[in-house]
Amino acid sequence: MKFQFWHEGFIFIGMFIIMVGVPCFFTALLGTRLIERLGNYPSKSAVLQMGICVQLLLVEIFGFMMLALFFHVFAD
């Protein structure tokens, strides 16, 4: 038995890695930025956390939309 869909499989895997990797990258970037700022300004903890929280919410919405688009494209 021979597997025929190598190109489609690699495209599917690549798209999935991008959909998971991009939000993870931005989450890690925002997390390191938050830790760095908390180290410099520990008294402004609540303000810094709320600023990062809004940005994380945007990253989460973007990631969900990418997954929903992925599902919509491959559901048909």
PDB file of N, CA and C in Angstrom:
ATOM      1  N   MET A   1       0.847  -1.183   0.000  1.00  0.00           N
ATOM      2  CA  MET A   1       0.000   0.000   0.000  1.00  0.00           C
ATOM      3  C   MET A   1       0.886   1.238   0.000  1.00  0.00           C
ATOM      4  N   LYS A   2       0.629   2.131  -0.903  1.00  0.00           N
ATOM      5  CA  LYS A   2       1.453   3.319  -1.072  1.00  0.00           C
ATOM      6  C   LYS A   2       0.648   4.560  -0.707  1.00  0.00           C
ATOM      7  N   PHE A   3       1.278   5.448   0.045  1.00  0.00           N
ATOM      8  CA  PHE A   3       0.612   6.701   0.410  1.00  0.00           C
ATOM      9  C   PHE A   3       0.755   7.676  -0.747  1.00  0.00           C
ATOM     10  N   GLN A   4      -0.384   8.249  -1.197  1.00  0.00           N
ATOM     11  CA  GLN A   4      -0.378   9.074  -2.396  1.00  0.00           C
ATOM     12  C   GLN A   4      -0.389  10.573  -2.116  1.00  0.00           C
ATOM     13  N   PHE A   5      -0.743  10.982  -0.948  1.00  0.00           N
ATOM     14  CA  PHE A   5      -1.003  12.397  -0.674  1.00  0.00           C
ATOM     15  C   PHE A   5       0.102  13.047   0.156  1.00  0.00           C
ATOM     16  N   TRP A   6       1.345  12.917  -0.271  1.00  0.00           N
ATOM     17  CA  TRP A   6       2.463  13.487   0.483  1.00  0.00           C
ATOM     18  C   TRP A   6       2.413  15.007   0.491  1.00  0.00           C
ATOM     19  N   HIS A   7       2.210  15.610  -0.663  1.00  0.00           N
ATOM     20  CA  HIS A   7       2.204  17.072  -0.745  1.00  0.00           C
ATOM     21  C   HIS A   7       1.064  17.668   0.084  1.00  0.00           C
ATOM     22  N   GLU A   8      -0.114  17.094  -0.033  1.00  0.00           N
ATOM     23  CA  GLU A   8      -1.249  17.584   0.737  1.00  0.00           C
ATOM     24  C   GLU A   8      -1.021  17.414   2.235  1.00  0.00           C
ATOM     25  N   GLY A   9      -0.406  16.292   2.594  1.00  0.00           N
ATOM     26  CA  GLY A   9      -0.105  16.045   4.004  1.00  0.00           C
ATOM     27  C   GLY A   9       0.882  17.051   4.569  1.00  0.00           C
ATOM     28  N   PHE A  10       1.922  17.348   3.803  1.00  0.00           N
ATOM     29  CA  PHE A  10       2.905  18.332   4.269  1.00  0.00           C
ATOM     30  C   PHE A  10       2.306  19.740   4.340  1.00  0.00           C
ATOM     31  N   ILE A  11       1.438  20.077   3.393  1.00  0.00           N
ATOM     32  CA  ILE A  11       0.770  21.380   3.447  1.00  0.00           C
ATOM     33  C   ILE A  11      -0.128  21.456   4.674  1.00  0.00           C
ATOM     34  N   PHE A  12      -0.863  20.397   4.951  1.00  0.00           N
ATOM     35  CA  PHE A  12      -1.734  20.347   6.121  1.00  0.00           C
ATOM     36  C   PHE A  12      -0.928  20.495   7.414  1.00  0.00           C
ATOM     37  N   ILE A  13       0.170  19.766   7.517  1.00  0.00           N
ATOM     38  CA  ILE A  13       1.019  19.851   8.710  1.00  0.00           C
ATOM     39  C   ILE A  13       1.626  21.244   8.840  1.00  0.00           C
ATOM     40  N   GLY A  14       2.106  21.812   7.735  1.00  0.00           N
ATOM     41  CA  GLY A  14       2.687  23.155   7.765  1.00  0.00           C
ATOM     42  C   GLY A  14       1.682  24.204   8.185  1.00  0.00           C
ATOM     43  N   MET A  15       0.461  24.125   7.666  1.00  0.00           N
ATOM     44  CA  MET A  15      -0.572  25.083   8.049  1.00  0.00           C
ATOM     45  C   MET A  15      -0.910  24.956   9.526  1.00  0.00           C
ATOM     46  N   PHE A  16      -0.985  23.731  10.018  1.00  0.00           N
ATOM     47  CA  PHE A  16      -1.316  23.528  11.417  1.00  0.00           C
ATOM     48  C   PHE A  16      -0.205  24.045  12.327  1.00  0.00           C
ATOM     49  N   ILE A  17       1.045  23.826  11.935  1.00  0.00           N
ATOM     50  CA  ILE A  17       2.171  24.338  12.724  1.00  0.00           C
ATOM     51  C   ILE A  17       2.146  25.867  12.743  1.00  0.00           C
ATOM     52  N   ILE A  18       1.834  26.486  11.627  1.00  0.00           N
ATOM     53  CA  ILE A  18       1.745  27.949  11.589  1.00  0.00           C
ATOM     54  C   ILE A  18       0.604  28.437  12.469  1.00  0.00           C
ATOM     55  N   MET A  19      -0.541  27.749  12.405  1.00  0.00           N
ATOM     56  CA  MET A  19      -1.688  28.182  13.207  1.00  0.00           C
ATOM     57  C   MET A  19      -1.442  28.043  14.698  1.00  0.00           C
ATOM     58  N   VAL A  20      -0.675  27.066  15.097  1.00  0.00           N
ATOM     59  CA  VAL A  20      -0.371  26.887  16.516  1.00  0.00           C
ATOM     60  C   VAL A  20       0.877  27.688  16.893  1.00  0.00           C
ATOM     61  N   GLY A  21       1.848  27.744  16.012  1.00  0.00           N
ATOM     62  CA  GLY A  21       3.122  28.385  16.324  1.00  0.00           C
ATOM     63  C   GLY A  21       3.076  29.893  16.422  1.00  0.00           C
ATOM     64  N   VAL A  22       2.292  30.533  15.570  1.00  0.00           N
ATOM     65  CA  VAL A  22       2.228  32.003  15.579  1.00  0.00           C
ATOM     66  C   VAL A  22       1.646  32.522  16.901  1.00  0.00           C
ATOM     67  N   PRO A  23       0.483  32.023  17.347  1.00  0.00           N
ATOM     68  CA  PRO A  23      -0.013  32.497  18.648  1.00  0.00           C
ATOM     69  C   PRO A  23       0.918  32.141  19.813  1.00  0.00           C
ATOM     70  N   CYS A  24       1.551  30.982  19.753  1.00  0.00           N
ATOM     71  CA  CYS A  24       2.497  30.609  20.811  1.00  0.00           C
ATOM     72  C   CYS A  24       3.697  31.543  20.832  1.00  0.00           C
ATOM     73  N   PHE A  25       4.194  31.915  19.657  1.00  0.00           N
ATOM     74  CA  PHE A  25       5.317  32.837  19.589  1.00  0.00           C
ATOM     75  C   PHE A  25       4.959  34.184  20.196  1.00  0.00           C
ATOM     76  N   PHE A  26       3.791  34.723  19.828  1.00  0.00           N
ATOM     77  CA  PHE A  26       3.391  36.024  20.362  1.00  0.00           C
ATOM     78  C   PHE A  26       3.083  35.953  21.856  1.00  0.00           C
ATOM     79  N   THR A  27       2.556  34.834  22.326  1.00  0.00           N
ATOM     80  CA  THR A  27       2.320  34.665  23.758  1.00  0.00           C
ATOM     81  C   THR A  27       3.641  34.647  24.514  1.00  0.00           C
ATOM     82  N   ALA A  28       4.626  33.942  23.990  1.00  0.00           N
ATOM     83  CA  ALA A  28       5.942  33.921  24.632  1.00  0.00           C
ATOM     84  C   ALA A  28       6.593  35.296  24.605  1.00  0.00           C
ATOM     85  N   LEU A  29       6.445  36.004  23.502  1.00  0.00           N
ATOM     86  CA  LEU A  29       6.997  37.357  23.389  1.00  0.00           C
ATOM     87  C   LEU A  29       6.358  38.296  24.413  1.00  0.00           C
ATOM     88  N   LEU A  30       5.036  38.250  24.527  1.00  0.00           N
ATOM     89  CA  LEU A  30       4.350  39.098  25.498  1.00  0.00           C
ATOM     90  C   LEU A  30       4.688  38.699  26.931  1.00  0.00           C
ATOM     91  N   GLY A  31       4.845  37.409  27.181  1.00  0.00           N
ATOM     92  CA  GLY A  31       5.200  36.948  28.520  1.00  0.00           C
ATOM     93  C   GLY A  31       6.588  37.398  28.944  1.00  0.00           C
ATOM     94  N   THR A  32       7.543  37.308  28.044  1.00  0.00           N
ATOM     95  CA  THR A  32       8.887  37.763  28.393  1.00  0.00           C
ATOM     96  C   THR A  32       8.926  39.271  28.583  1.00  0.00           C
ATOM     97  N   ARG A  33       8.146  39.995  27.777  1.00  0.00           N
ATOM     98  CA  ARG A  33       8.067  41.447  27.945  1.00  0.00           C
ATOM     99  C   ARG A  33       7.454  41.800  29.304  1.00  0.00           C
ATOM    100  N   LEU A  34       6.415  41.049  29.704  1.00  0.00           N
ATOM    101  CA  LEU A  34       5.785  41.298  31.000  1.00  0.00           C
ATOM    102  C   LEU A  34       6.751  41.019  32.141  1.00  0.00           C
ATOM    103  N   ILE A  35       7.473  39.925  32.078  1.00  0.00           N
ATOM    104  CA  ILE A  35       8.420  39.587  33.138  1.00  0.00           C
ATOM    105  C   ILE A  35       9.521  40.633  33.234  1.00  0.00           C
ATOM    106  N   GLU A  36       9.996  41.108  32.081  1.00  0.00           N
ATOM    107  CA  GLU A  36      11.041  42.135  32.082  1.00  0.00           C
ATOM    108  C   GLU A  36      10.526  43.436  32.698  1.00  0.00           C
ATOM    109  N   ARG A  37       9.331  43.841  32.322  1.00  0.00           N
ATOM    110  CA  ARG A  37       8.776  45.089  32.874  1.00  0.00           C
ATOM    111  C   ARG A  37       8.449  44.957  34.354  1.00  0.00           C
ATOM    112  N   LEU A  38       7.988  43.782  34.788  1.00  0.00           N
ATOM    113  CA  LEU A  38       7.712  43.587  36.215  1.00  0.00           C
ATOM    114  C   LEU A  38       9.002  43.637  37.031  1.00  0.00           C
ATOM    115  N   GLY A  39      10.088  43.188  36.438  1.00  0.00           N
ATOM    116  CA  GLY A  39      11.375  43.276  37.129  1.00  0.00           C
ATOM    117  C   GLY A  39      11.849  44.711  37.274  1.00  0.00           C
ATOM    118  N   ASN A  40      11.537  45.551  36.295  1.00  0.00           N
ATOM    119  CA  ASN A  40      11.957  46.944  36.350  1.00  0.00           C
ATOM    120  C   ASN A  40      11.013  47.814  37.171  1.00  0.00           C
ATOM    121  N   TYR A  41       9.713  47.529  37.107  1.00  0.00           N
ATOM    122  CA  TYR A  41       8.710  48.345  37.802  1.00  0.00           C
ATOM    123  C   TYR A  41       7.759  47.448  38.606  1.00  0.00           C
ATOM    124  N   PRO A  42       8.210  46.896  39.724  1.00  0.00           N
ATOM    125  CA  PRO A  42       7.354  45.965  40.471  1.00  0.00           C
ATOM    126  C   PRO A  42       6.126  46.625  41.095  1.00  0.00           C
ATOM    127  N   SER A  43       6.162  47.933  41.337  1.00  0.00           N
ATOM    128  CA  SER A  43       5.013  48.598  41.945  1.00  0.00           C
ATOM    129  C   SER A  43       3.868  48.817  40.955  1.00  0.00           C
ATOM    130  N   LYS A  44       4.136  48.706  39.658  1.00  0.00           N
ATOM    131  CA  LYS A  44       3.109  48.898  38.627  1.00  0.00           C
ATOM    132  C   LYS A  44       2.590  47.557  38.111  1.00  0.00           C
ATOM    133  N   SER A  45       2.545  46.566  38.961  1.00  0.00           N
ATOM    134  CA  SER A  45       2.192  45.213  38.545  1.00  0.00           C
ATOM    135  C   SER A  45       0.806  45.131  37.920  1.00  0.00           C
ATOM    136  N   ALA A  46      -0.199  45.708  38.549  1.00  0.00           N
ATOM    137  CA  ALA A  46      -1.565  45.594  38.036  1.00  0.00           C
ATOM    138  C   ALA A  46      -1.721  46.288  36.685  1.00  0.00           C
ATOM    139  N   VAL A  47      -1.126  47.442  36.527  1.00  0.00           N
ATOM    140  CA  VAL A  47      -1.224  48.179  35.261  1.00  0.00           C
ATOM    141  C   VAL A  47      -0.545  47.402  34.140  1.00  0.00           C
ATOM    142  N   LEU A  48       0.619  46.864  34.419  1.00  0.00           N
ATOM    143  CA  LEU A  48       1.343  46.101  33.402  1.00  0.00           C
ATOM    144  C   LEU A  48       0.597  44.832  33.030  1.00  0.00           C
ATOM    145  N   GLN A  49       0.029  44.154  34.023  1.00  0.00           N
ATOM    146  CA  GLN A  49      -0.697  42.920  33.741  1.00  0.00           C
ATOM    147  C   GLN A  49      -1.948  43.184  32.913  1.00  0.00           C
ATOM    148  N   MET A  50      -2.638  44.282  33.171  1.00  0.00           N
ATOM    149  CA  MET A  50      -3.828  44.594  32.378  1.00  0.00           C
ATOM    150  C   MET A  50      -3.458  44.954  30.942  1.00  0.00           C
ATOM    151  N   GLY A  51      -2.344  45.648  30.757  1.00  0.00           N
ATOM    152  CA  GLY A  51      -1.902  45.972  29.405  1.00  0.00           C
ATOM    153  C   GLY A  51      -1.562  44.722  28.607  1.00  0.00           C
ATOM    154  N   ILE A  52      -0.884  43.790  29.220  1.00  0.00           N
ATOM    155  CA  ILE A  52      -0.536  42.540  28.547  1.00  0.00           C
ATOM    156  C   ILE A  52      -1.775  41.671  28.359  1.00  0.00           C
ATOM    157  N   CYS A  53      -2.706  41.731  29.302  1.00  0.00           N
ATOM    158  CA  CYS A  53      -3.934  40.931  29.213  1.00  0.00           C
ATOM    159  C   CYS A  53      -4.732  41.300  27.964  1.00  0.00           C
ATOM    160  N   VAL A  54      -4.837  42.572  27.665  1.00  0.00           N
ATOM    161  CA  VAL A  54      -5.562  43.012  26.472  1.00  0.00           C
ATOM    162  C   VAL A  54      -4.849  42.507  25.219  1.00  0.00           C
ATOM    163  N   GLN A  55      -3.543  42.579  25.193  1.00  0.00           N
ATOM    164  CA  GLN A  55      -2.788  42.096  24.035  1.00  0.00           C
ATOM    165  C   GLN A  55      -2.915  40.582  23.894  1.00  0.00           C
ATOM    166  N   LEU A  56      -2.906  39.857  25.015  1.00  0.00           N
ATOM    167  CA  LEU A  56      -3.088  38.414  24.967  1.00  0.00           C
ATOM    168  C   LEU A  56      -4.491  38.047  24.478  1.00  0.00           C
ATOM    169  N   LEU A  57      -5.464  38.842  24.848  1.00  0.00           N
ATOM    170  CA  LEU A  57      -6.817  38.610  24.359  1.00  0.00           C
ATOM    171  C   LEU A  57      -6.875  38.753  22.842  1.00  0.00           C
ATOM    172  N   LEU A  58      -6.186  39.739  22.303  1.00  0.00           N
ATOM    173  CA  LEU A  58      -6.143  39.908  20.848  1.00  0.00           C
ATOM    174  C   LEU A  58      -5.437  38.737  20.168  1.00  0.00           C
ATOM    175  N   VAL A  59      -4.356  38.254  20.758  1.00  0.00           N
ATOM    176  CA  VAL A  59      -3.649  37.093  20.211  1.00  0.00           C
ATOM    177  C   VAL A  59      -4.559  35.873  20.250  1.00  0.00           C
ATOM    178  N   GLU A  60      -5.306  35.704  21.321  1.00  0.00           N
ATOM    179  CA  GLU A  60      -6.208  34.563  21.450  1.00  0.00           C
ATOM    180  C   GLU A  60      -7.334  34.631  20.417  1.00  0.00           C
ATOM    181  N   ILE A  61      -7.891  35.812  20.193  1.00  0.00           N
ATOM    182  CA  ILE A  61      -8.945  35.963  19.183  1.00  0.00           C
ATOM    183  C   ILE A  61      -8.387  35.673  17.791  1.00  0.00           C
ATOM    184  N   PHE A  62      -7.183  36.164  17.513  1.00  0.00           N
ATOM    185  CA  PHE A  62      -6.547  35.893  16.220  1.00  0.00           C
ATOM    186  C   PHE A  62      -6.313  34.392  16.032  1.00  0.00           C
ATOM    187  N   GLY A  63      -5.820  33.708  17.068  1.00  0.00           N
ATOM    188  CA  GLY A  63      -5.593  32.271  16.984  1.00  0.00           C
ATOM    189  C   GLY A  63      -6.889  31.493  16.777  1.00  0.00           C
ATOM    190  N   PHE A  64      -7.944  31.899  17.484  1.00  0.00           N
ATOM    191  CA  PHE A  64      -9.230  31.231  17.316  1.00  0.00           C
ATOM    192  C   PHE A  64      -9.771  31.431  15.908  1.00  0.00           C
ATOM    193  N   MET A  65      -9.619  32.628  15.380  1.00  0.00           N
ATOM    194  CA  MET A  65     -10.095  32.882  14.023  1.00  0.00           C
ATOM    195  C   MET A  65      -9.317  32.066  12.989  1.00  0.00           C
ATOM    196  N   MET A  66      -8.017  31.911  13.203  1.00  0.00           N
ATOM    197  CA  MET A  66      -7.235  31.080  12.278  1.00  0.00           C
ATOM    198  C   MET A  66      -7.700  29.628  12.341  1.00  0.00           C
ATOM    199  N   LEU A  67      -7.960  29.110  13.542  1.00  0.00           N
ATOM    200  CA  LEU A  67      -8.441  27.731  13.666  1.00  0.00           C
ATOM    201  C   LEU A  67      -9.836  27.579  13.062  1.00  0.00           C
ATOM    202  N   ALA A  68     -10.695  28.567  13.262  1.00  0.00           N
ATOM    203  CA  ALA A  68     -12.037  28.496  12.688  1.00  0.00           C
ATOM    204  C   ALA A  68     -11.969  28.538  11.162  1.00  0.00           C
ATOM    205  N   LEU A  69     -11.108  29.369  10.609  1.00  0.00           N
ATOM    206  CA  LEU A  69     -10.935  29.418   9.159  1.00  0.00           C
ATOM    207  C   LEU A  69     -10.386  28.094   8.629  1.00  0.00           C
ATOM    208  N   PHE A  70      -9.438  27.521   9.336  1.00  0.00           N
ATOM    209  CA  PHE A  70      -8.868  26.227   8.971  1.00  0.00           C
ATOM    210  C   PHE A  70      -9.963  25.162   8.941  1.00  0.00           C
ATOM    211  N   PHE A  71     -10.815  25.153   9.967  1.00  0.00           N
ATOM    212  CA  PHE A  71     -11.904  24.182  10.020  1.00  0.00           C
ATOM    213  C   PHE A  71     -12.889  24.423   8.876  1.00  0.00           C
ATOM    214  N   HIS A  72     -13.201  25.680   8.622  1.00  0.00           N
ATOM    215  CA  HIS A  72     -14.168  26.009   7.570  1.00  0.00           C
ATOM    216  C   HIS A  72     -13.647  25.575   6.193  1.00  0.00           C
ATOM    217  N   VAL A  73     -12.374  25.783   5.950  1.00  0.00           N
ATOM    218  CA  VAL A  73     -11.801  25.414   4.650  1.00  0.00           C
ATOM    219  C   VAL A  73     -11.782  23.916   4.455  1.00  0.00           C
ATOM    220  N   PHE A  74     -11.435  23.159   5.495  1.00  0.00           N
ATOM    221  CA  PHE A  74     -11.281  21.715   5.340  1.00  0.00           C
ATOM    222  C   PHE A  74     -12.527  20.911   5.715  1.00  0.00           C
ATOM    223  N   ALA A  75     -13.593  21.574   6.171  1.00  0.00           N
ATOM    224  CA  ALA A  75     -14.816  20.850   6.521  1.00  0.00           C
ATOM    225  C   ALA A  75     -15.609  20.452   5.287  1.00  0.00           C
ATOM    226  N   ASP A  76     -15.492  21.208   4.225  1.00  0.00           N
ATOM    227  CA  ASP A  76     -16.284  20.916   3.027  1.00  0.00           C
ATOM    228  C   ASP A  76     -15.672  19.852   2.174  1.00  0.00           C
TER     229      ASP A  76
END
